[in-house]
Amino acid sequence: MLGRIAAALIAYLLCIFHFSDSMTTVGQLFGLSGFWALFIPSTLVGLAVYRISDLDRWGLWDAASFLIIGSIALLAMTNDPEATAYELVKGVVSFSVAAILGALALRGGGR
């Protein structure tokens, strides 16, 4: 529990102090300004890291956490919400197809 809190706090502080320009850019793309443009994306990343760092129980919320971190990173790199949406849809669809094919292969349905 303490390790999860430490990992989330480190990620949060890194976002605020080291990646502040990128976080502010992402916050402005969300329509935020000033204080909120820095702290809301940083908080989302911190909460996502907190959720992902629970290695004993993984599930749908972890996938959503990876999606949040990935979308914030893509927005910071591209500064284009439309291109980010296209890339996220492409990634989600490709991983869904891979999961379906993997489940069929495990079940033996691919004979």
PDB file of N, CA and C in Angstrom:
ATOM      1  N   MET A   1       0.823  -1.191   0.000  1.00  0.00           N
ATOM      2  CA  MET A   1       0.000   0.000   0.000  1.00  0.00           C
ATOM      3  C   MET A   1       0.872   1.262   0.000  1.00  0.00           C
ATOM      4  N   LEU A   2       1.903   1.239   0.837  1.00  0.00           N
ATOM      5  CA  LEU A   2       2.782   2.397   0.920  1.00  0.00           C
ATOM      6  C   LEU A   2       3.575   2.589  -0.372  1.00  0.00           C
ATOM      7  N   GLY A   3       3.926   1.479  -1.033  1.00  0.00           N
ATOM      8  CA  GLY A   3       4.625   1.555  -2.312  1.00  0.00           C
ATOM      9  C   GLY A   3       3.758   2.160  -3.403  1.00  0.00           C
ATOM     10  N   ARG A   4       2.470   1.828  -3.390  1.00  0.00           N
ATOM     11  CA  ARG A   4       1.545   2.412  -4.375  1.00  0.00           C
ATOM     12  C   ARG A   4       1.425   3.911  -4.187  1.00  0.00           C
ATOM     13  N   ILE A   5       1.336   4.341  -2.950  1.00  0.00           N
ATOM     14  CA  ILE A   5       1.228   5.777  -2.659  1.00  0.00           C
ATOM     15  C   ILE A   5       2.520   6.486  -3.061  1.00  0.00           C
ATOM     16  N   ALA A   6       3.659   5.867  -2.789  1.00  0.00           N
ATOM     17  CA  ALA A   6       4.944   6.475  -3.158  1.00  0.00           C
ATOM     18  C   ALA A   6       5.078   6.592  -4.677  1.00  0.00           C
ATOM     19  N   ALA A   7       4.677   5.540  -5.408  1.00  0.00           N
ATOM     20  CA  ALA A   7       4.755   5.580  -6.873  1.00  0.00           C
ATOM     21  C   ALA A   7       3.833   6.663  -7.437  1.00  0.00           C
ATOM     22  N   ALA A   8       2.628   6.774  -6.896  1.00  0.00           N
ATOM     23  CA  ALA A   8       1.685   7.794  -7.365  1.00  0.00           C
ATOM     24  C   ALA A   8       2.198   9.194  -7.051  1.00  0.00           C
ATOM     25  N   LEU A   9       2.768   9.383  -5.873  1.00  0.00           N
ATOM     26  CA  LEU A   9       3.298  10.688  -5.490  1.00  0.00           C
ATOM     27  C   LEU A   9       4.492  11.081  -6.349  1.00  0.00           C
ATOM     28  N   ILE A  10       5.361  10.123  -6.642  1.00  0.00           N
ATOM     29  CA  ILE A  10       6.510  10.416  -7.503  1.00  0.00           C
ATOM     30  C   ILE A  10       6.047  10.789  -8.910  1.00  0.00           C
ATOM     31  N   ALA A  11       5.078  10.042  -9.447  1.00  0.00           N
ATOM     32  CA  ALA A  11       4.558  10.365 -10.780  1.00  0.00           C
ATOM     33  C   ALA A  11       3.906  11.741 -10.787  1.00  0.00           C
ATOM     34  N   TYR A  12       3.150  12.050  -9.748  1.00  0.00           N
ATOM     35  CA  TYR A  12       2.485  13.351  -9.636  1.00  0.00           C
ATOM     36  C   TYR A  12       3.507  14.485  -9.584  1.00  0.00           C
ATOM     37  N   LEU A  13       4.527  14.323  -8.754  1.00  0.00           N
ATOM     38  CA  LEU A  13       5.548  15.363  -8.632  1.00  0.00           C
ATOM     39  C   LEU A  13       6.370  15.508  -9.909  1.00  0.00           C
ATOM     40  N   LEU A  14       6.653  14.404 -10.587  1.00  0.00           N
ATOM     41  CA  LEU A  14       7.348  14.487 -11.873  1.00  0.00           C
ATOM     42  C   LEU A  14       6.521  15.264 -12.892  1.00  0.00           C
ATOM     43  N   CYS A  15       5.226  15.006 -12.907  1.00  0.00           N
ATOM     44  CA  CYS A  15       4.353  15.728 -13.846  1.00  0.00           C
ATOM     45  C   CYS A  15       4.335  17.222 -13.539  1.00  0.00           C
ATOM     46  N   ILE A  16       4.311  17.578 -12.277  1.00  0.00           N
ATOM     47  CA  ILE A  16       4.225  18.992 -11.905  1.00  0.00           C
ATOM     48  C   ILE A  16       5.546  19.726 -12.145  1.00  0.00           C
ATOM     49  N   PHE A  17       6.660  19.120 -11.746  1.00  0.00           N
ATOM     50  CA  PHE A  17       7.918  19.847 -11.802  1.00  0.00           C
ATOM     51  C   PHE A  17       8.724  19.605 -13.074  1.00  0.00           C
ATOM     52  N   HIS A  18       8.756  18.372 -13.569  1.00  0.00           N
ATOM     53  CA  HIS A  18       9.602  18.075 -14.727  1.00  0.00           C
ATOM     54  C   HIS A  18       8.835  18.218 -16.053  1.00  0.00           C
ATOM     55  N   PHE A  19       7.603  17.760 -16.076  1.00  0.00           N
ATOM     56  CA  PHE A  19       6.799  17.794 -17.304  1.00  0.00           C
ATOM     57  C   PHE A  19       5.722  18.875 -17.250  1.00  0.00           C
ATOM     58  N   SER A  20       6.000  19.976 -16.572  1.00  0.00           N
ATOM     59  CA  SER A  20       4.974  21.004 -16.373  1.00  0.00           C
ATOM     60  C   SER A  20       4.523  21.639 -17.685  1.00  0.00           C
ATOM     61  N   ASP A  21       5.443  21.833 -18.628  1.00  0.00           N
ATOM     62  CA  ASP A  21       5.051  22.423 -19.908  1.00  0.00           C
ATOM     63  C   ASP A  21       4.104  21.507 -20.673  1.00  0.00           C
ATOM     64  N   SER A  22       4.404  20.215 -20.690  1.00  0.00           N
ATOM     65  CA  SER A  22       3.541  19.259 -21.378  1.00  0.00           C
ATOM     66  C   SER A  22       2.184  19.153 -20.691  1.00  0.00           C
ATOM     67  N   MET A  23       2.167  19.126 -19.363  1.00  0.00           N
ATOM     68  CA  MET A  23       0.902  19.024 -18.630  1.00  0.00           C
ATOM     69  C   MET A  23       0.047  20.274 -18.845  1.00  0.00           C
ATOM     70  N   THR A  24       0.678  21.439 -18.881  1.00  0.00           N
ATOM     71  CA  THR A  24      -0.060  22.675 -19.130  1.00  0.00           C
ATOM     72  C   THR A  24      -0.644  22.678 -20.538  1.00  0.00           C
ATOM     73  N   THR A  25       0.114  22.176 -21.512  1.00  0.00           N
ATOM     74  CA  THR A  25      -0.385  22.093 -22.888  1.00  0.00           C
ATOM     75  C   THR A  25      -1.589  21.170 -22.969  1.00  0.00           C
ATOM     76  N   VAL A  26      -1.509  20.023 -22.306  1.00  0.00           N
ATOM     77  CA  VAL A  26      -2.635  19.086 -22.299  1.00  0.00           C
ATOM     78  C   VAL A  26      -3.836  19.704 -21.607  1.00  0.00           C
ATOM     79  N   GLY A  27      -3.604  20.375 -20.494  1.00  0.00           N
ATOM     80  CA  GLY A  27      -4.701  21.040 -19.788  1.00  0.00           C
ATOM     81  C   GLY A  27      -5.365  22.114 -20.633  1.00  0.00           C
ATOM     82  N   GLN A  28      -4.580  22.851 -21.410  1.00  0.00           N
ATOM     83  CA  GLN A  28      -5.154  23.865 -22.296  1.00  0.00           C
ATOM     84  C   GLN A  28      -5.956  23.227 -23.424  1.00  0.00           C
ATOM     85  N   LEU A  29      -5.532  22.044 -23.880  1.00  0.00           N
ATOM     86  CA  LEU A  29      -6.319  21.334 -24.891  1.00  0.00           C
ATOM     87  C   LEU A  29      -7.644  20.847 -24.323  1.00  0.00           C
ATOM     88  N   PHE A  30      -7.692  20.596 -23.000  1.00  0.00           N
ATOM     89  CA  PHE A  30      -8.941  20.240 -22.330  1.00  0.00           C
ATOM     90  C   PHE A  30      -9.815  21.462 -22.071  1.00  0.00           C
ATOM     91  N   GLY A  31      -9.278  22.655 -22.318  1.00  0.00           N
ATOM     92  CA  GLY A  31     -10.037  23.880 -22.091  1.00  0.00           C
ATOM     93  C   GLY A  31      -9.784  24.496 -20.734  1.00  0.00           C
ATOM     94  N   LEU A  32      -8.746  24.081 -20.053  1.00  0.00           N
ATOM     95  CA  LEU A  32      -8.420  24.608 -18.727  1.00  0.00           C
ATOM     96  C   LEU A  32      -7.368  25.699 -18.861  1.00  0.00           C
ATOM     97  N   SER A  33      -7.246  26.504 -17.834  1.00  0.00           N
ATOM     98  CA  SER A  33      -6.231  27.556 -17.876  1.00  0.00           C
ATOM     99  C   SER A  33      -5.610  27.726 -16.497  1.00  0.00           C
ATOM    100  N   GLY A  34      -4.400  28.253 -16.486  1.00  0.00           N
ATOM    101  CA  GLY A  34      -3.708  28.587 -15.251  1.00  0.00           C
ATOM    102  C   GLY A  34      -3.411  27.391 -14.373  1.00  0.00           C
ATOM    103  N   PHE A  35      -3.803  27.527 -13.117  1.00  0.00           N
ATOM    104  CA  PHE A  35      -3.570  26.513 -12.087  1.00  0.00           C
ATOM    105  C   PHE A  35      -4.147  25.166 -12.492  1.00  0.00           C
ATOM    106  N   TRP A  36      -5.369  25.157 -13.005  1.00  0.00           N
ATOM    107  CA  TRP A  36      -6.063  23.910 -13.326  1.00  0.00           C
ATOM    108  C   TRP A  36      -5.445  23.199 -14.519  1.00  0.00           C
ATOM    109  N   ALA A  37      -4.860  23.932 -15.455  1.00  0.00           N
ATOM    110  CA  ALA A  37      -4.247  23.317 -16.634  1.00  0.00           C
ATOM    111  C   ALA A  37      -3.034  22.468 -16.256  1.00  0.00           C
ATOM    112  N   LEU A  38      -2.389  22.772 -15.152  1.00  0.00           N
ATOM    113  CA  LEU A  38      -1.246  21.986 -14.701  1.00  0.00           C
ATOM    114  C   LEU A  38      -1.672  20.851 -13.781  1.00  0.00           C
ATOM    115  N   PHE A  39      -2.578  21.115 -12.864  1.00  0.00           N
ATOM    116  CA  PHE A  39      -2.839  20.153 -11.806  1.00  0.00           C
ATOM    117  C   PHE A  39      -3.855  19.078 -12.155  1.00  0.00           C
ATOM    118  N   ILE A  40      -4.809  19.326 -13.032  1.00  0.00           N
ATOM    119  CA  ILE A  40      -5.790  18.282 -13.360  1.00  0.00           C
ATOM    120  C   ILE A  40      -5.158  17.151 -14.166  1.00  0.00           C
ATOM    121  N   PRO A  41      -4.412  17.404 -15.254  1.00  0.00           N
ATOM    122  CA  PRO A  41      -3.756  16.272 -15.931  1.00  0.00           C
ATOM    123  C   PRO A  41      -2.729  15.560 -15.046  1.00  0.00           C
ATOM    124  N   SER A  42      -2.036  16.309 -14.201  1.00  0.00           N
ATOM    125  CA  SER A  42      -1.058  15.691 -13.293  1.00  0.00           C
ATOM    126  C   SER A  42      -1.751  14.780 -12.283  1.00  0.00           C
ATOM    127  N   THR A  43      -2.897  15.203 -11.794  1.00  0.00           N
ATOM    128  CA  THR A  43      -3.667  14.383 -10.863  1.00  0.00           C
ATOM    129  C   THR A  43      -4.180  13.127 -11.543  1.00  0.00           C
ATOM    130  N   LEU A  44      -4.638  13.255 -12.790  1.00  0.00           N
ATOM    131  CA  LEU A  44      -5.098  12.077 -13.526  1.00  0.00           C
ATOM    132  C   LEU A  44      -3.968  11.064 -13.697  1.00  0.00           C
ATOM    133  N   VAL A  45      -2.777  11.529 -14.005  1.00  0.00           N
ATOM    134  CA  VAL A  45      -1.633  10.627 -14.153  1.00  0.00           C
ATOM    135  C   VAL A  45      -1.287   9.988 -12.805  1.00  0.00           C
ATOM    136  N   GLY A  46      -1.294  10.762 -11.740  1.00  0.00           N
ATOM    137  CA  GLY A  46      -0.998  10.219 -10.414  1.00  0.00           C
ATOM    138  C   GLY A  46      -1.998   9.154  -9.989  1.00  0.00           C
ATOM    139  N   LEU A  47      -3.283   9.401 -10.216  1.00  0.00           N
ATOM    140  CA  LEU A  47      -4.303   8.411  -9.870  1.00  0.00           C
ATOM    141  C   LEU A  47      -4.194   7.162 -10.740  1.00  0.00           C
ATOM    142  N   ALA A  48      -3.847   7.343 -12.009  1.00  0.00           N
ATOM    143  CA  ALA A  48      -3.679   6.191 -12.890  1.00  0.00           C
ATOM    144  C   ALA A  48      -2.490   5.338 -12.454  1.00  0.00           C
ATOM    145  N   VAL A  49      -1.398   5.978 -12.070  1.00  0.00           N
ATOM    146  CA  VAL A  49      -0.238   5.229 -11.579  1.00  0.00           C
ATOM    147  C   VAL A  49      -0.585   4.509 -10.285  1.00  0.00           C
ATOM    148  N   TYR A  50      -1.362   5.135  -9.420  1.00  0.00           N
ATOM    149  CA  TYR A  50      -1.791   4.488  -8.181  1.00  0.00           C
ATOM    150  C   TYR A  50      -2.588   3.224  -8.483  1.00  0.00           C
ATOM    151  N   ARG A  51      -3.465   3.299  -9.472  1.00  0.00           N
ATOM    152  CA  ARG A  51      -4.294   2.140  -9.823  1.00  0.00           C
ATOM    153  C   ARG A  51      -3.463   1.038 -10.479  1.00  0.00           C
ATOM    154  N   ILE A  52      -2.554   1.406 -11.353  1.00  0.00           N
ATOM    155  CA  ILE A  52      -1.755   0.414 -12.078  1.00  0.00           C
ATOM    156  C   ILE A  52      -0.779  -0.303 -11.147  1.00  0.00           C
ATOM    157  N   SER A  53      -0.301   0.375 -10.126  1.00  0.00           N
ATOM    158  CA  SER A  53       0.728  -0.211  -9.259  1.00  0.00           C
ATOM    159  C   SER A  53       0.189  -1.280  -8.310  1.00  0.00           C
ATOM    160  N   ASP A  54      -1.108  -1.588  -8.354  1.00  0.00           N
ATOM    161  CA  ASP A  54      -1.658  -2.710  -7.598  1.00  0.00           C
ATOM    162  C   ASP A  54      -1.489  -3.971  -8.447  1.00  0.00           C
ATOM    163  N   LEU A  55      -0.375  -4.658  -8.248  1.00  0.00           N
ATOM    164  CA  LEU A  55      -0.024  -5.782  -9.113  1.00  0.00           C
ATOM    165  C   LEU A  55      -0.813  -7.048  -8.806  1.00  0.00           C
ATOM    166  N   ASP A  56      -1.485  -7.107  -7.667  1.00  0.00           N
ATOM    167  CA  ASP A  56      -2.226  -8.317  -7.307  1.00  0.00           C
ATOM    168  C   ASP A  56      -3.574  -8.417  -8.014  1.00  0.00           C
ATOM    169  N   ARG A  57      -4.216  -7.311  -8.246  1.00  0.00           N
ATOM    170  CA  ARG A  57      -5.544  -7.319  -8.870  1.00  0.00           C
ATOM    171  C   ARG A  57      -5.544  -6.397 -10.071  1.00  0.00           C
ATOM    172  N   TRP A  58      -5.542  -6.990 -11.251  1.00  0.00           N
ATOM    173  CA  TRP A  58      -5.601  -6.219 -12.478  1.00  0.00           C
ATOM    174  C   TRP A  58      -6.941  -6.463 -13.139  1.00  0.00           C
ATOM    175  N   GLY A  59      -7.438  -5.451 -13.843  1.00  0.00           N
ATOM    176  CA  GLY A  59      -8.714  -5.607 -14.513  1.00  0.00           C
ATOM    177  C   GLY A  59      -9.008  -4.440 -15.435  1.00  0.00           C
ATOM    178  N   LEU A  60     -10.272  -4.143 -15.561  1.00  0.00           N
ATOM    179  CA  LEU A  60     -10.738  -3.110 -16.483  1.00  0.00           C
ATOM    180  C   LEU A  60     -10.240  -1.729 -16.089  1.00  0.00           C
ATOM    181  N   TRP A  61     -10.163  -1.451 -14.787  1.00  0.00           N
ATOM    182  CA  TRP A  61      -9.721  -0.129 -14.349  1.00  0.00           C
ATOM    183  C   TRP A  61      -8.255   0.112 -14.670  1.00  0.00           C
ATOM    184  N   ASP A  62      -7.493  -0.956 -14.707  1.00  0.00           N
ATOM    185  CA  ASP A  62      -6.086  -0.800 -15.094  1.00  0.00           C
ATOM    186  C   ASP A  62      -5.972  -0.471 -16.576  1.00  0.00           C
ATOM    187  N   ALA A  63      -6.811  -1.102 -17.386  1.00  0.00           N
ATOM    188  CA  ALA A  63      -6.819  -0.767 -18.809  1.00  0.00           C
ATOM    189  C   ALA A  63      -7.221   0.690 -19.014  1.00  0.00           C
ATOM    190  N   ALA A  64      -8.206   1.147 -18.247  1.00  0.00           N
ATOM    191  CA  ALA A  64      -8.619   2.549 -18.337  1.00  0.00           C
ATOM    192  C   ALA A  64      -7.496   3.481 -17.875  1.00  0.00           C
ATOM    193  N   SER A  65      -6.741   3.062 -16.869  1.00  0.00           N
ATOM    194  CA  SER A  65      -5.614   3.869 -16.397  1.00  0.00           C
ATOM    195  C   SER A  65      -4.524   3.982 -17.452  1.00  0.00           C
ATOM    196  N   PHE A  66      -4.219   2.859 -18.116  1.00  0.00           N
ATOM    197  CA  PHE A  66      -3.246   2.913 -19.213  1.00  0.00           C
ATOM    198  C   PHE A  66      -3.746   3.803 -20.340  1.00  0.00           C
ATOM    199  N   LEU A  67      -5.044   3.767 -20.613  1.00  0.00           N
ATOM    200  CA  LEU A  67      -5.627   4.611 -21.654  1.00  0.00           C
ATOM    201  C   LEU A  67      -5.513   6.089 -21.286  1.00  0.00           C
ATOM    202  N   ILE A  68      -5.712   6.426 -20.024  1.00  0.00           N
ATOM    203  CA  ILE A  68      -5.579   7.815 -19.568  1.00  0.00           C
ATOM    204  C   ILE A  68      -4.137   8.295 -19.729  1.00  0.00           C
ATOM    205  N   ILE A  69      -3.190   7.487 -19.272  1.00  0.00           N
ATOM    206  CA  ILE A  69      -1.785   7.882 -19.386  1.00  0.00           C
ATOM    207  C   ILE A  69      -1.381   7.986 -20.852  1.00  0.00           C
ATOM    208  N   GLY A  70      -1.817   7.035 -21.663  1.00  0.00           N
ATOM    209  CA  GLY A  70      -1.488   7.068 -23.089  1.00  0.00           C
ATOM    210  C   GLY A  70      -2.080   8.256 -23.801  1.00  0.00           C
ATOM    211  N   SER A  71      -3.331   8.595 -23.481  1.00  0.00           N
ATOM    212  CA  SER A  71      -3.948   9.735 -24.151  1.00  0.00           C
ATOM    213  C   SER A  71      -3.307  11.050 -23.737  1.00  0.00           C
ATOM    214  N   ILE A  72      -2.929  11.182 -22.470  1.00  0.00           N
ATOM    215  CA  ILE A  72      -2.251  12.407 -22.034  1.00  0.00           C
ATOM    216  C   ILE A  72      -0.876  12.511 -22.683  1.00  0.00           C
ATOM    217  N   ALA A  73      -0.160  11.389 -22.788  1.00  0.00           N
ATOM    218  CA  ALA A  73       1.153  11.414 -23.449  1.00  0.00           C
ATOM    219  C   ALA A  73       1.004  11.750 -24.937  1.00  0.00           C
ATOM    220  N   LEU A  74       0.015  11.167 -25.612  1.00  0.00           N
ATOM    221  CA  LEU A  74      -0.194  11.476 -27.027  1.00  0.00           C
ATOM    222  C   LEU A  74      -0.590  12.934 -27.233  1.00  0.00           C
ATOM    223  N   LEU A  75      -1.450  13.451 -26.370  1.00  0.00           N
ATOM    224  CA  LEU A  75      -1.825  14.857 -26.480  1.00  0.00           C
ATOM    225  C   LEU A  75      -0.627  15.769 -26.268  1.00  0.00           C
ATOM    226  N   ALA A  76       0.233  15.400 -25.328  1.00  0.00           N
ATOM    227  CA  ALA A  76       1.424  16.220 -25.080  1.00  0.00           C
ATOM    228  C   ALA A  76       2.378  16.188 -26.264  1.00  0.00           C
ATOM    229  N   MET A  77       2.449  15.051 -26.977  1.00  0.00           N
ATOM    230  CA  MET A  77       3.367  14.946 -28.109  1.00  0.00           C
ATOM    231  C   MET A  77       2.826  15.596 -29.371  1.00  0.00           C
ATOM    232  N   THR A  78       1.532  15.428 -29.635  1.00  0.00           N
ATOM    233  CA  THR A  78       0.991  15.884 -30.919  1.00  0.00           C
ATOM    234  C   THR A  78       0.355  17.262 -30.860  1.00  0.00           C
ATOM    235  N   ASN A  79      -0.187  17.649 -29.712  1.00  0.00           N
ATOM    236  CA  ASN A  79      -0.947  18.898 -29.562  1.00  0.00           C
ATOM    237  C   ASN A  79      -2.139  18.958 -30.516  1.00  0.00           C
ATOM    238  N   ASP A  80      -2.636  17.806 -30.927  1.00  0.00           N
ATOM    239  CA  ASP A  80      -3.759  17.735 -31.859  1.00  0.00           C
ATOM    240  C   ASP A  80      -4.771  16.715 -31.330  1.00  0.00           C
ATOM    241  N   PRO A  81      -5.891  17.175 -30.766  1.00  0.00           N
ATOM    242  CA  PRO A  81      -6.867  16.241 -30.199  1.00  0.00           C
ATOM    243  C   PRO A  81      -7.471  15.288 -31.244  1.00  0.00           C
ATOM    244  N   GLU A  82      -7.634  15.754 -32.474  1.00  0.00           N
ATOM    245  CA  GLU A  82      -8.228  14.894 -33.499  1.00  0.00           C
ATOM    246  C   GLU A  82      -7.296  13.734 -33.853  1.00  0.00           C
ATOM    247  N   ALA A  83      -6.013  14.013 -34.034  1.00  0.00           N
ATOM    248  CA  ALA A  83      -5.048  12.955 -34.333  1.00  0.00           C
ATOM    249  C   ALA A  83      -4.921  11.994 -33.154  1.00  0.00           C
ATOM    250  N   THR A  84      -4.984  12.522 -31.941  1.00  0.00           N
ATOM    251  CA  THR A  84      -4.920  11.674 -30.755  1.00  0.00           C
ATOM    252  C   THR A  84      -6.120  10.746 -30.683  1.00  0.00           C
ATOM    253  N   ALA A  85      -7.302  11.261 -30.994  1.00  0.00           N
ATOM    254  CA  ALA A  85      -8.501  10.415 -30.985  1.00  0.00           C
ATOM    255  C   ALA A  85      -8.387   9.297 -32.011  1.00  0.00           C
ATOM    256  N   TYR A  86      -7.900   9.608 -33.198  1.00  0.00           N
ATOM    257  CA  TYR A  86      -7.715   8.574 -34.221  1.00  0.00           C
ATOM    258  C   TYR A  86      -6.740   7.498 -33.751  1.00  0.00           C
ATOM    259  N   GLU A  87      -5.633   7.914 -33.169  1.00  0.00           N
ATOM    260  CA  GLU A  87      -4.636   6.949 -32.700  1.00  0.00           C
ATOM    261  C   GLU A  87      -5.168   6.090 -31.561  1.00  0.00           C
ATOM    262  N   LEU A  88      -5.943   6.698 -30.652  1.00  0.00           N
ATOM    263  CA  LEU A  88      -6.503   5.925 -29.550  1.00  0.00           C
ATOM    264  C   LEU A  88      -7.512   4.900 -30.044  1.00  0.00           C
ATOM    265  N   VAL A  89      -8.368   5.289 -30.983  1.00  0.00           N
ATOM    266  CA  VAL A  89      -9.334   4.341 -31.540  1.00  0.00           C
ATOM    267  C   VAL A  89      -8.609   3.215 -32.258  1.00  0.00           C
ATOM    268  N   LYS A  90      -7.586   3.547 -33.019  1.00  0.00           N
ATOM    269  CA  LYS A  90      -6.810   2.539 -33.726  1.00  0.00           C
ATOM    270  C   LYS A  90      -6.157   1.566 -32.736  1.00  0.00           C
ATOM    271  N   GLY A  91      -5.592   2.084 -31.673  1.00  0.00           N
ATOM    272  CA  GLY A  91      -4.958   1.231 -30.679  1.00  0.00           C
ATOM    273  C   GLY A  91      -5.938   0.345 -29.940  1.00  0.00           C
ATOM    274  N   VAL A  92      -7.087   0.907 -29.546  1.00  0.00           N
ATOM    275  CA  VAL A  92      -8.087   0.130 -28.816  1.00  0.00           C
ATOM    276  C   VAL A  92      -8.649  -0.983 -29.704  1.00  0.00           C
ATOM    277  N   VAL A  93      -8.926  -0.674 -30.955  1.00  0.00           N
ATOM    278  CA  VAL A  93      -9.467  -1.684 -31.864  1.00  0.00           C
ATOM    279  C   VAL A  93      -8.444  -2.793 -32.108  1.00  0.00           C
ATOM    280  N   SER A  94      -7.187  -2.425 -32.313  1.00  0.00           N
ATOM    281  CA  SER A  94      -6.181  -3.456 -32.582  1.00  0.00           C
ATOM    282  C   SER A  94      -5.960  -4.354 -31.374  1.00  0.00           C
ATOM    283  N   PHE A  95      -5.939  -3.783 -30.153  1.00  0.00           N
ATOM    284  CA  PHE A  95      -5.784  -4.619 -28.974  1.00  0.00           C
ATOM    285  C   PHE A  95      -7.017  -5.475 -28.728  1.00  0.00           C
ATOM    286  N   SER A  96      -8.195  -4.972 -29.068  1.00  0.00           N
ATOM    287  CA  SER A  96      -9.412  -5.770 -28.916  1.00  0.00           C
ATOM    288  C   SER A  96      -9.408  -6.954 -29.860  1.00  0.00           C
ATOM    289  N   VAL A  97      -9.017  -6.743 -31.098  1.00  0.00           N
ATOM    290  CA  VAL A  97      -8.930  -7.845 -32.061  1.00  0.00           C
ATOM    291  C   VAL A  97      -7.889  -8.864 -31.604  1.00  0.00           C
ATOM    292  N   ALA A  98      -6.756  -8.394 -31.106  1.00  0.00           N
ATOM    293  CA  ALA A  98      -5.724  -9.310 -30.616  1.00  0.00           C
ATOM    294  C   ALA A  98      -6.230 -10.116 -29.420  1.00  0.00           C
ATOM    295  N   ALA A  99      -6.985  -9.488 -28.524  1.00  0.00           N
ATOM    296  CA  ALA A  99      -7.524 -10.204 -27.364  1.00  0.00           C
ATOM    297  C   ALA A  99      -8.545 -11.255 -27.798  1.00  0.00           C
ATOM    298  N   ILE A 100      -9.378 -10.929 -28.764  1.00  0.00           N
ATOM    299  CA  ILE A 100     -10.371 -11.898 -29.254  1.00  0.00           C
ATOM    300  C   ILE A 100      -9.674 -13.083 -29.921  1.00  0.00           C
ATOM    301  N   LEU A 101      -8.693 -12.793 -30.758  1.00  0.00           N
ATOM    302  CA  LEU A 101      -7.959 -13.871 -31.420  1.00  0.00           C
ATOM    303  C   LEU A 101      -7.186 -14.720 -30.408  1.00  0.00           C
ATOM    304  N   GLY A 102      -6.617 -14.093 -29.401  1.00  0.00           N
ATOM    305  CA  GLY A 102      -5.922 -14.841 -28.355  1.00  0.00           C
ATOM    306  C   GLY A 102      -6.864 -15.732 -27.562  1.00  0.00           C
ATOM    307  N   ALA A 103      -8.045 -15.228 -27.248  1.00  0.00           N
ATOM    308  CA  ALA A 103      -9.035 -16.031 -26.521  1.00  0.00           C
ATOM    309  C   ALA A 103      -9.503 -17.208 -27.369  1.00  0.00           C
ATOM    310  N   LEU A 104      -9.698 -16.980 -28.660  1.00  0.00           N
ATOM    311  CA  LEU A 104     -10.086 -18.080 -29.549  1.00  0.00           C
ATOM    312  C   LEU A 104      -8.984 -19.123 -29.652  1.00  0.00           C
ATOM    313  N   ALA A 105      -7.749 -18.682 -29.695  1.00  0.00           N
ATOM    314  CA  ALA A 105      -6.627 -19.626 -29.778  1.00  0.00           C
ATOM    315  C   ALA A 105      -6.513 -20.441 -28.499  1.00  0.00           C
ATOM    316  N   LEU A 106      -6.735 -19.833 -27.352  1.00  0.00           N
ATOM    317  CA  LEU A 106      -6.669 -20.561 -26.089  1.00  0.00           C
ATOM    318  C   LEU A 106      -7.802 -21.580 -25.973  1.00  0.00           C
ATOM    319  N   ARG A 107      -8.945 -21.221 -26.512  1.00  0.00           N
ATOM    320  CA  ARG A 107     -10.107 -22.108 -26.447  1.00  0.00           C
ATOM    321  C   ARG A 107     -10.025 -23.220 -27.469  1.00  0.00           C
ATOM    322  N   GLY A 108      -9.193 -23.050 -28.461  1.00  0.00           N
ATOM    323  CA  GLY A 108      -9.058 -24.065 -29.496  1.00  0.00           C
ATOM    324  C   GLY A 108     -10.005 -23.839 -30.653  1.00  0.00           C
ATOM    325  N   GLY A 109     -10.513 -22.643 -30.813  1.00  0.00           N
ATOM    326  CA  GLY A 109     -11.470 -22.356 -31.873  1.00  0.00           C
ATOM    327  C   GLY A 109     -10.817 -21.998 -33.181  1.00  0.00           C
ATOM    328  N   GLY A 110      -9.523 -21.953 -33.240  1.00  0.00           N
ATOM    329  CA  GLY A 110      -8.839 -21.564 -34.466  1.00  0.00           C
ATOM    330  C   GLY A 110      -8.352 -22.740 -35.294  1.00  0.00           C
ATOM    331  N   ARG A 111      -9.003 -23.906 -35.182  1.00  0.00           N
ATOM    332  CA  ARG A 111      -8.550 -25.104 -35.904  1.00  0.00           C
ATOM    333  C   ARG A 111      -8.866 -25.025 -37.350  1.00  0.00           C
TER     334      ARG A 111
END
